[in-house]
Amino acid sequence: MQPPAQQQPLCLQTQGREFIELLGKSYVLHMLFFMSHNDGPVRFNHLRREIGITATTLSRRLDEMIRQGLVTREVFAEVPARVEYDLSEKGRTLGPILKSVFEWVGSNDFEGASE
């Protein structure tokens, strides 16, 4: 007789796994960190310059973060068009969790771990 199948945690199921994979993509943690320490919304080019990311990659990451509900996008009817990005309430609740992860990484030795 086999033991009962253990229910996988949500982070290993499809929705959760997509979110975890997003966190592992290039620049996502940089973007979340910058946006959480910025007072108010930020414009695309300001974010691009501050992080040092290409426009294409930034656009893709912002779209992914919007789909996950971490970032909001507001378009203003102006000429030229003005678009601002900000952390959503869901994105803001992630801040203390990431802070704990960053502190944990800082207090542990990962030198040579990628070899």
C-alpha atoms as a PDB file:
ATOM      1  CA  MET A   1       0.000   0.000   0.000  1.00  0.00           C
ATOM      2  CA  GLN A   2       1.349   3.426  -0.981  1.00  0.00           C
ATOM      3  CA  PRO A   3       1.391   6.330   1.448  1.00  0.00           C
ATOM      4  CA  PRO A   4      -1.183   9.038   0.693  1.00  0.00           C
ATOM      5  CA  ALA A   5      -0.030  11.569  -1.869  1.00  0.00           C
ATOM      6  CA  GLN A   6       1.248  14.674  -0.172  1.00  0.00           C
ATOM      7  CA  GLN A   7      -0.378  17.891  -1.364  1.00  0.00           C
ATOM      8  CA  GLN A   8       2.199  20.158  -2.986  1.00  0.00           C
ATOM      9  CA  PRO A   9       2.469  23.661  -1.564  1.00  0.00           C
ATOM     10  CA  LEU A  10       0.900  26.357  -3.738  1.00  0.00           C
ATOM     11  CA  CYS A  11       4.330  27.714  -4.730  1.00  0.00           C
ATOM     12  CA  LEU A  12       5.026  24.413  -6.531  1.00  0.00           C
ATOM     13  CA  GLN A  13       1.676  24.320  -8.298  1.00  0.00           C
ATOM     14  CA  THR A  14       1.096  26.141 -11.588  1.00  0.00           C
ATOM     15  CA  GLN A  15       0.044  29.605 -10.351  1.00  0.00           C
ATOM     16  CA  GLY A  16       2.543  29.737  -7.523  1.00  0.00           C
ATOM     17  CA  ARG A  17       5.313  28.269  -9.627  1.00  0.00           C
ATOM     18  CA  GLU A  18       4.851  30.980 -12.279  1.00  0.00           C
ATOM     19  CA  PHE A  19       5.198  33.612  -9.554  1.00  0.00           C
ATOM     20  CA  ILE A  20       8.340  31.985  -8.113  1.00  0.00           C
ATOM     21  CA  GLU A  21       9.812  31.701 -11.624  1.00  0.00           C
ATOM     22  CA  LEU A  22       9.091  35.412 -12.176  1.00  0.00           C
ATOM     23  CA  LEU A  23      11.085  36.293  -9.046  1.00  0.00           C
ATOM     24  CA  GLY A  24      14.034  34.392 -10.502  1.00  0.00           C
ATOM     25  CA  LYS A  25      14.042  36.268 -13.798  1.00  0.00           C
ATOM     26  CA  SER A  26      16.668  38.902 -14.495  1.00  0.00           C
ATOM     27  CA  TYR A  27      16.097  42.305 -12.908  1.00  0.00           C
ATOM     28  CA  VAL A  28      12.774  41.447 -11.192  1.00  0.00           C
ATOM     29  CA  LEU A  29      14.221  41.634  -7.675  1.00  0.00           C
ATOM     30  CA  HIS A  30      16.064  44.847  -8.617  1.00  0.00           C
ATOM     31  CA  MET A  31      12.817  46.339  -9.879  1.00  0.00           C
ATOM     32  CA  LEU A  32      10.838  45.312  -6.801  1.00  0.00           C
ATOM     33  CA  PHE A  33      13.549  46.656  -4.506  1.00  0.00           C
ATOM     34  CA  PHE A  34      13.774  49.982  -6.349  1.00  0.00           C
ATOM     35  CA  MET A  35      10.012  50.443  -6.566  1.00  0.00           C
ATOM     36  CA  SER A  36       9.514  49.582  -2.894  1.00  0.00           C
ATOM     37  CA  HIS A  37      12.085  52.221  -1.891  1.00  0.00           C
ATOM     38  CA  ASN A  38      10.747  54.874  -4.260  1.00  0.00           C
ATOM     39  CA  ASP A  39       8.152  57.348  -3.026  1.00  0.00           C
ATOM     40  CA  GLY A  40       5.244  57.024  -5.427  1.00  0.00           C
ATOM     41  CA  PRO A  41       4.993  55.953  -9.040  1.00  0.00           C
ATOM     42  CA  VAL A  42       7.951  55.833 -11.383  1.00  0.00           C
ATOM     43  CA  ARG A  43       8.163  56.430 -15.109  1.00  0.00           C
ATOM     44  CA  PHE A  44       9.530  53.863 -17.551  1.00  0.00           C
ATOM     45  CA  ASN A  45      12.762  55.658 -18.512  1.00  0.00           C
ATOM     46  CA  HIS A  46      13.556  56.594 -14.922  1.00  0.00           C
ATOM     47  CA  LEU A  47      13.263  52.934 -13.929  1.00  0.00           C
ATOM     48  CA  ARG A  48      15.328  51.882 -16.950  1.00  0.00           C
ATOM     49  CA  ARG A  49      18.138  54.309 -16.112  1.00  0.00           C
ATOM     50  CA  GLU A  50      18.193  53.533 -12.396  1.00  0.00           C
ATOM     51  CA  ILE A  51      18.378  49.773 -12.891  1.00  0.00           C
ATOM     52  CA  GLY A  52      20.528  49.726 -16.028  1.00  0.00           C
ATOM     53  CA  ILE A  53      18.192  47.496 -18.004  1.00  0.00           C
ATOM     54  CA  THR A  54      17.315  47.480 -21.701  1.00  0.00           C
ATOM     55  CA  ALA A  55      13.937  48.876 -22.705  1.00  0.00           C
ATOM     56  CA  THR A  56      12.860  45.510 -24.144  1.00  0.00           C
ATOM     57  CA  THR A  57      13.668  43.571 -20.985  1.00  0.00           C
ATOM     58  CA  LEU A  58      12.090  46.221 -18.776  1.00  0.00           C
ATOM     59  CA  SER A  59       8.914  46.175 -20.845  1.00  0.00           C
ATOM     60  CA  ARG A  60       8.693  42.377 -20.630  1.00  0.00           C
ATOM     61  CA  ARG A  61       9.310  42.311 -16.878  1.00  0.00           C
ATOM     62  CA  LEU A  62       6.773  45.054 -16.220  1.00  0.00           C
ATOM     63  CA  ASP A  63       4.163  43.194 -18.286  1.00  0.00           C
ATOM     64  CA  GLU A  64       4.846  39.999 -16.328  1.00  0.00           C
ATOM     65  CA  MET A  65       4.675  41.819 -13.006  1.00  0.00           C
ATOM     66  CA  ILE A  66       1.399  43.483 -14.028  1.00  0.00           C
ATOM     67  CA  ARG A  67      -0.069  40.071 -14.977  1.00  0.00           C
ATOM     68  CA  GLN A  68       0.916  38.727 -11.558  1.00  0.00           C
ATOM     69  CA  GLY A  69      -0.750  41.718  -9.903  1.00  0.00           C
ATOM     70  CA  LEU A  70       2.458  43.105  -8.396  1.00  0.00           C
ATOM     71  CA  VAL A  71       2.586  46.351 -10.374  1.00  0.00           C
ATOM     72  CA  THR A  72      -0.014  48.814 -11.626  1.00  0.00           C
ATOM     73  CA  ARG A  73       0.270  50.832 -14.825  1.00  0.00           C
ATOM     74  CA  GLU A  74      -1.392  54.205 -15.275  1.00  0.00           C
ATOM     75  CA  VAL A  75      -1.539  55.956 -18.644  1.00  0.00           C
ATOM     76  CA  PHE A  76      -2.180  59.698 -18.714  1.00  0.00           C
ATOM     77  CA  ALA A  77      -3.873  61.285 -21.724  1.00  0.00           C
ATOM     78  CA  GLU A  78      -1.127  63.787 -22.436  1.00  0.00           C
ATOM     79  CA  VAL A  79       1.108  64.594 -25.369  1.00  0.00           C
ATOM     80  CA  PRO A  80       3.581  63.041 -25.227  1.00  0.00           C
ATOM     81  CA  ALA A  81       1.927  60.150 -23.432  1.00  0.00           C
ATOM     82  CA  ARG A  82       2.940  59.692 -19.809  1.00  0.00           C
ATOM     83  CA  VAL A  83       2.910  56.225 -18.237  1.00  0.00           C
ATOM     84  CA  GLU A  84       3.646  55.559 -14.576  1.00  0.00           C
ATOM     85  CA  TYR A  85       4.256  52.293 -12.777  1.00  0.00           C
ATOM     86  CA  ASP A  86       3.800  51.602  -9.097  1.00  0.00           C
ATOM     87  CA  LEU A  87       3.654  48.626  -6.796  1.00  0.00           C
ATOM     88  CA  SER A  88       0.132  47.388  -6.226  1.00  0.00           C
ATOM     89  CA  GLU A  89      -1.063  46.604  -2.722  1.00  0.00           C
ATOM     90  CA  LYS A  90      -0.156  42.978  -3.419  1.00  0.00           C
ATOM     91  CA  GLY A  91       3.331  44.077  -4.503  1.00  0.00           C
ATOM     92  CA  ARG A  92       3.759  46.162  -1.347  1.00  0.00           C
ATOM     93  CA  THR A  93       2.933  43.187   0.876  1.00  0.00           C
ATOM     94  CA  LEU A  94       5.833  41.339  -0.752  1.00  0.00           C
ATOM     95  CA  GLY A  95       8.316  43.959   0.523  1.00  0.00           C
ATOM     96  CA  PRO A  96       8.751  42.652   4.107  1.00  0.00           C
ATOM     97  CA  ILE A  97       9.074  39.090   2.808  1.00  0.00           C
ATOM     98  CA  LEU A  98      11.811  40.056   0.352  1.00  0.00           C
ATOM     99  CA  LYS A  99      13.526  42.095   3.063  1.00  0.00           C
ATOM    100  CA  SER A 100      13.677  38.953   5.221  1.00  0.00           C
ATOM    101  CA  VAL A 101      15.032  36.912   2.310  1.00  0.00           C
ATOM    102  CA  PHE A 102      17.683  39.572   1.554  1.00  0.00           C
ATOM    103  CA  GLU A 103      18.716  39.640   5.221  1.00  0.00           C
ATOM    104  CA  TRP A 104      18.875  35.838   5.326  1.00  0.00           C
ATOM    105  CA  VAL A 105      21.070  35.760   2.212  1.00  0.00           C
ATOM    106  CA  GLY A 106      23.295  38.449   3.730  1.00  0.00           C
ATOM    107  CA  SER A 107      23.779  36.486   6.931  1.00  0.00           C
ATOM    108  CA  ASN A 108      24.684  33.239   5.157  1.00  0.00           C
ATOM    109  CA  ASP A 109      27.814  32.397   3.235  1.00  0.00           C
ATOM    110  CA  PHE A 110      27.087  31.667  -0.421  1.00  0.00           C
ATOM    111  CA  GLU A 111      30.630  32.262  -1.703  1.00  0.00           C
ATOM    112  CA  GLY A 112      31.431  29.596  -4.248  1.00  0.00           C
ATOM    113  CA  ALA A 113      27.896  28.191  -4.111  1.00  0.00           C
ATOM    114  CA  SER A 114      27.430  28.584  -7.877  1.00  0.00           C
ATOM    115  CA  GLU A 115      30.463  26.462  -8.741  1.00  0.00           C
END
